[in-house]
């Protein structure tokens, strides 16, 4: 569809239209994978963020705690002690993969480095 006939590759090999169509199909599959994968990553990030907001418990304080607190190891905290950071990083990575914009990627990498 994109060109008629055949052309030569380096080394004298002939390039057929099916090779180009196959390559374009592979690129379009990659683009679909990135779009759907980023949507899935967005949902995972949203889940981690919402669960960390719903289930903080009474141990959440600002500054140094004045009372004894309990080290949480149940619920979402079995996976990570900072599930909100995982959520934010997943949301950032999802936006980077979805847009594939160099500005979003650079700002996303910067924000992920700052969070760590």
C-alpha atoms as a PDB file:
ATOM      1  CA  UNK A   1       0.000   0.000   0.000  1.00  0.00           C
ATOM      2  CA  UNK A   2       2.795   2.428   0.830  1.00  0.00           C
ATOM      3  CA  UNK A   3       4.863   1.780  -2.265  1.00  0.00           C
ATOM      4  CA  UNK A   4       4.579  -0.260  -5.412  1.00  0.00           C
ATOM      5  CA  UNK A   5       7.048  -2.880  -6.529  1.00  0.00           C
ATOM      6  CA  UNK A   6      10.228  -3.866  -4.784  1.00  0.00           C
ATOM      7  CA  UNK A   7      13.313  -1.988  -3.757  1.00  0.00           C
ATOM      8  CA  UNK A   8      16.802  -3.170  -2.928  1.00  0.00           C
ATOM      9  CA  UNK A   9      18.256  -3.383   0.532  1.00  0.00           C
ATOM     10  CA  UNK A  10      21.983  -3.061   1.269  1.00  0.00           C
ATOM     11  CA  UNK A  11      23.714  -6.161  -0.054  1.00  0.00           C
ATOM     12  CA  UNK A  12      21.409  -6.456  -3.054  1.00  0.00           C
ATOM     13  CA  UNK A  13      18.507  -8.157  -1.246  1.00  0.00           C
ATOM     14  CA  UNK A  14      15.051  -7.305  -2.517  1.00  0.00           C
ATOM     15  CA  UNK A  15      12.586  -5.708  -0.132  1.00  0.00           C
ATOM     16  CA  UNK A  16       9.032  -6.748  -0.768  1.00  0.00           C
ATOM     17  CA  UNK A  17       5.854  -4.844   0.097  1.00  0.00           C
ATOM     18  CA  UNK A  18       4.901  -7.604   2.544  1.00  0.00           C
ATOM     19  CA  UNK A  19       8.072  -6.926   4.544  1.00  0.00           C
ATOM     20  CA  UNK A  20       7.132  -3.262   4.886  1.00  0.00           C
ATOM     21  CA  UNK A  21       3.517  -4.071   5.700  1.00  0.00           C
ATOM     22  CA  UNK A  22       4.682  -6.563   8.324  1.00  0.00           C
ATOM     23  CA  UNK A  23       6.984  -3.982   9.856  1.00  0.00           C
ATOM     24  CA  UNK A  24       4.179  -1.424   9.951  1.00  0.00           C
ATOM     25  CA  UNK A  25       1.875  -3.987  11.571  1.00  0.00           C
ATOM     26  CA  UNK A  26       4.536  -4.663  14.210  1.00  0.00           C
ATOM     27  CA  UNK A  27       4.872  -0.943  14.935  1.00  0.00           C
ATOM     28  CA  UNK A  28       1.110  -0.540  15.198  1.00  0.00           C
ATOM     29  CA  UNK A  29       0.948  -3.523  17.563  1.00  0.00           C
ATOM     30  CA  UNK A  30       3.654  -1.925  19.702  1.00  0.00           C
ATOM     31  CA  UNK A  31       1.709   1.333  19.781  1.00  0.00           C
ATOM     32  CA  UNK A  32      -1.448  -0.503  20.867  1.00  0.00           C
ATOM     33  CA  UNK A  33       0.504  -2.411  23.516  1.00  0.00           C
ATOM     34  CA  UNK A  34       1.910   0.849  24.900  1.00  0.00           C
ATOM     35  CA  UNK A  35      -1.529   2.498  24.986  1.00  0.00           C
ATOM     36  CA  UNK A  36      -3.316  -0.434  26.654  1.00  0.00           C
ATOM     37  CA  UNK A  37      -0.342  -1.206  28.894  1.00  0.00           C
ATOM     38  CA  UNK A  38      -0.223   2.371  30.096  1.00  0.00           C
ATOM     39  CA  UNK A  39      -3.968   2.268  30.836  1.00  0.00           C
ATOM     40  CA  UNK A  40      -3.446  -0.880  32.913  1.00  0.00           C
ATOM     41  CA  UNK A  41      -0.510   0.713  34.722  1.00  0.00           C
ATOM     42  CA  UNK A  42      -2.656   3.788  35.371  1.00  0.00           C
ATOM     43  CA  UNK A  43      -5.347   1.624  36.993  1.00  0.00           C
ATOM     44  CA  UNK A  44      -2.751  -0.157  39.152  1.00  0.00           C
ATOM     45  CA  UNK A  45      -1.320   3.211  40.230  1.00  0.00           C
ATOM     46  CA  UNK A  46      -4.784   4.519  40.988  1.00  0.00           C
ATOM     47  CA  UNK A  47      -5.548   1.413  43.052  1.00  0.00           C
ATOM     48  CA  UNK A  48      -2.359   1.791  45.112  1.00  0.00           C
ATOM     49  CA  UNK A  49      -2.985   5.499  45.673  1.00  0.00           C
ATOM     50  CA  UNK A  50      -6.624   5.082  46.700  1.00  0.00           C
ATOM     51  CA  UNK A  51      -5.864   2.104  48.959  1.00  0.00           C
ATOM     52  CA  UNK A  52      -3.112   4.053  50.700  1.00  0.00           C
ATOM     53  CA  UNK A  53      -5.552   6.903  51.337  1.00  0.00           C
ATOM     54  CA  UNK A  54      -8.340   4.611  52.584  1.00  0.00           C
ATOM     55  CA  UNK A  55      -6.230   2.408  54.828  1.00  0.00           C
ATOM     56  CA  UNK A  56      -3.669   4.630  56.591  1.00  0.00           C
ATOM     57  CA  UNK A  57      -4.787   3.670  60.089  1.00  0.00           C
ATOM     58  CA  UNK A  58      -4.135   5.726  63.208  1.00  0.00           C
ATOM     59  CA  UNK A  59      -0.373   5.583  62.730  1.00  0.00           C
ATOM     60  CA  UNK A  60      -0.386   8.434  60.251  1.00  0.00           C
ATOM     61  CA  UNK A  61       1.071  11.566  61.806  1.00  0.00           C
ATOM     62  CA  UNK A  62       2.935  14.627  60.698  1.00  0.00           C
ATOM     63  CA  UNK A  63       6.351  15.051  62.239  1.00  0.00           C
ATOM     64  CA  UNK A  64       7.391  12.911  65.175  1.00  0.00           C
ATOM     65  CA  UNK A  65       4.584  10.872  66.767  1.00  0.00           C
ATOM     66  CA  UNK A  66       3.773  11.796  70.363  1.00  0.00           C
ATOM     67  CA  UNK A  67       2.161   8.406  71.097  1.00  0.00           C
ATOM     68  CA  UNK A  68       3.257   4.882  70.389  1.00  0.00           C
ATOM     69  CA  UNK A  69       2.404   3.879  66.843  1.00  0.00           C
ATOM     70  CA  UNK A  70       1.996   0.473  65.263  1.00  0.00           C
ATOM     71  CA  UNK A  71       4.135  -0.672  62.367  1.00  0.00           C
ATOM     72  CA  UNK A  72       1.550  -1.691  59.753  1.00  0.00           C
ATOM     73  CA  UNK A  73       2.185  -4.973  57.959  1.00  0.00           C
ATOM     74  CA  UNK A  74      -1.307  -5.898  56.799  1.00  0.00           C
ATOM     75  CA  UNK A  75      -3.446  -4.943  53.815  1.00  0.00           C
ATOM     76  CA  UNK A  76      -1.700  -2.936  51.127  1.00  0.00           C
ATOM     77  CA  UNK A  77       1.262  -2.472  53.467  1.00  0.00           C
ATOM     78  CA  UNK A  78       2.218  -6.148  52.976  1.00  0.00           C
ATOM     79  CA  UNK A  79       3.401  -5.150  49.497  1.00  0.00           C
ATOM     80  CA  UNK A  80       5.071  -1.840  50.372  1.00  0.00           C
ATOM     81  CA  UNK A  81       5.467   0.430  53.364  1.00  0.00           C
ATOM     82  CA  UNK A  82       4.922   3.380  51.010  1.00  0.00           C
ATOM     83  CA  UNK A  83       2.078   2.340  48.681  1.00  0.00           C
ATOM     84  CA  UNK A  84       1.352   5.949  47.752  1.00  0.00           C
ATOM     85  CA  UNK A  85       4.840   6.273  46.258  1.00  0.00           C
ATOM     86  CA  UNK A  86       4.260   3.123  44.203  1.00  0.00           C
ATOM     87  CA  UNK A  87       0.940   4.563  43.064  1.00  0.00           C
ATOM     88  CA  UNK A  88       2.443   7.903  42.089  1.00  0.00           C
ATOM     89  CA  UNK A  89       5.312   6.230  40.221  1.00  0.00           C
ATOM     90  CA  UNK A  90       2.862   3.977  38.334  1.00  0.00           C
ATOM     91  CA  UNK A  91       0.739   6.993  37.389  1.00  0.00           C
ATOM     92  CA  UNK A  92       3.835   8.857  36.205  1.00  0.00           C
ATOM     93  CA  UNK A  93       5.125   5.887  34.211  1.00  0.00           C
ATOM     94  CA  UNK A  94       1.685   5.391  32.652  1.00  0.00           C
ATOM     95  CA  UNK A  95       1.576   9.001  31.481  1.00  0.00           C
ATOM     96  CA  UNK A  96       5.091   8.681  30.061  1.00  0.00           C
ATOM     97  CA  UNK A  97       4.188   5.555  28.082  1.00  0.00           C
ATOM     98  CA  UNK A  98       0.827   6.866  26.930  1.00  0.00           C
ATOM     99  CA  UNK A  99       2.020  10.192  25.560  1.00  0.00           C
ATOM    100  CA  UNK A 100       5.579   9.286  24.470  1.00  0.00           C
ATOM    101  CA  UNK A 101       6.271  13.014  24.687  1.00  0.00           C
ATOM    102  CA  UNK A 102       9.888  13.911  25.469  1.00  0.00           C
ATOM    103  CA  UNK A 103       8.850  16.691  27.874  1.00  0.00           C
ATOM    104  CA  UNK A 104       6.536  14.368  29.806  1.00  0.00           C
ATOM    105  CA  UNK A 105       9.230  11.675  29.876  1.00  0.00           C
ATOM    106  CA  UNK A 106      11.912  14.047  31.187  1.00  0.00           C
ATOM    107  CA  UNK A 107       9.615  15.520  33.835  1.00  0.00           C
ATOM    108  CA  UNK A 108       8.416  12.033  34.770  1.00  0.00           C
ATOM    109  CA  UNK A 109      11.947  10.708  35.231  1.00  0.00           C
ATOM    110  CA  UNK A 110      12.812  13.794  37.263  1.00  0.00           C
ATOM    111  CA  UNK A 111       9.776  13.361  39.539  1.00  0.00           C
ATOM    112  CA  UNK A 112      10.474   9.648  40.011  1.00  0.00           C
ATOM    113  CA  UNK A 113      14.068  10.427  41.028  1.00  0.00           C
ATOM    114  CA  UNK A 114      12.877  13.098  43.480  1.00  0.00           C
ATOM    115  CA  UNK A 115      10.332  10.722  45.081  1.00  0.00           C
ATOM    116  CA  UNK A 116      12.938   8.028  45.644  1.00  0.00           C
END
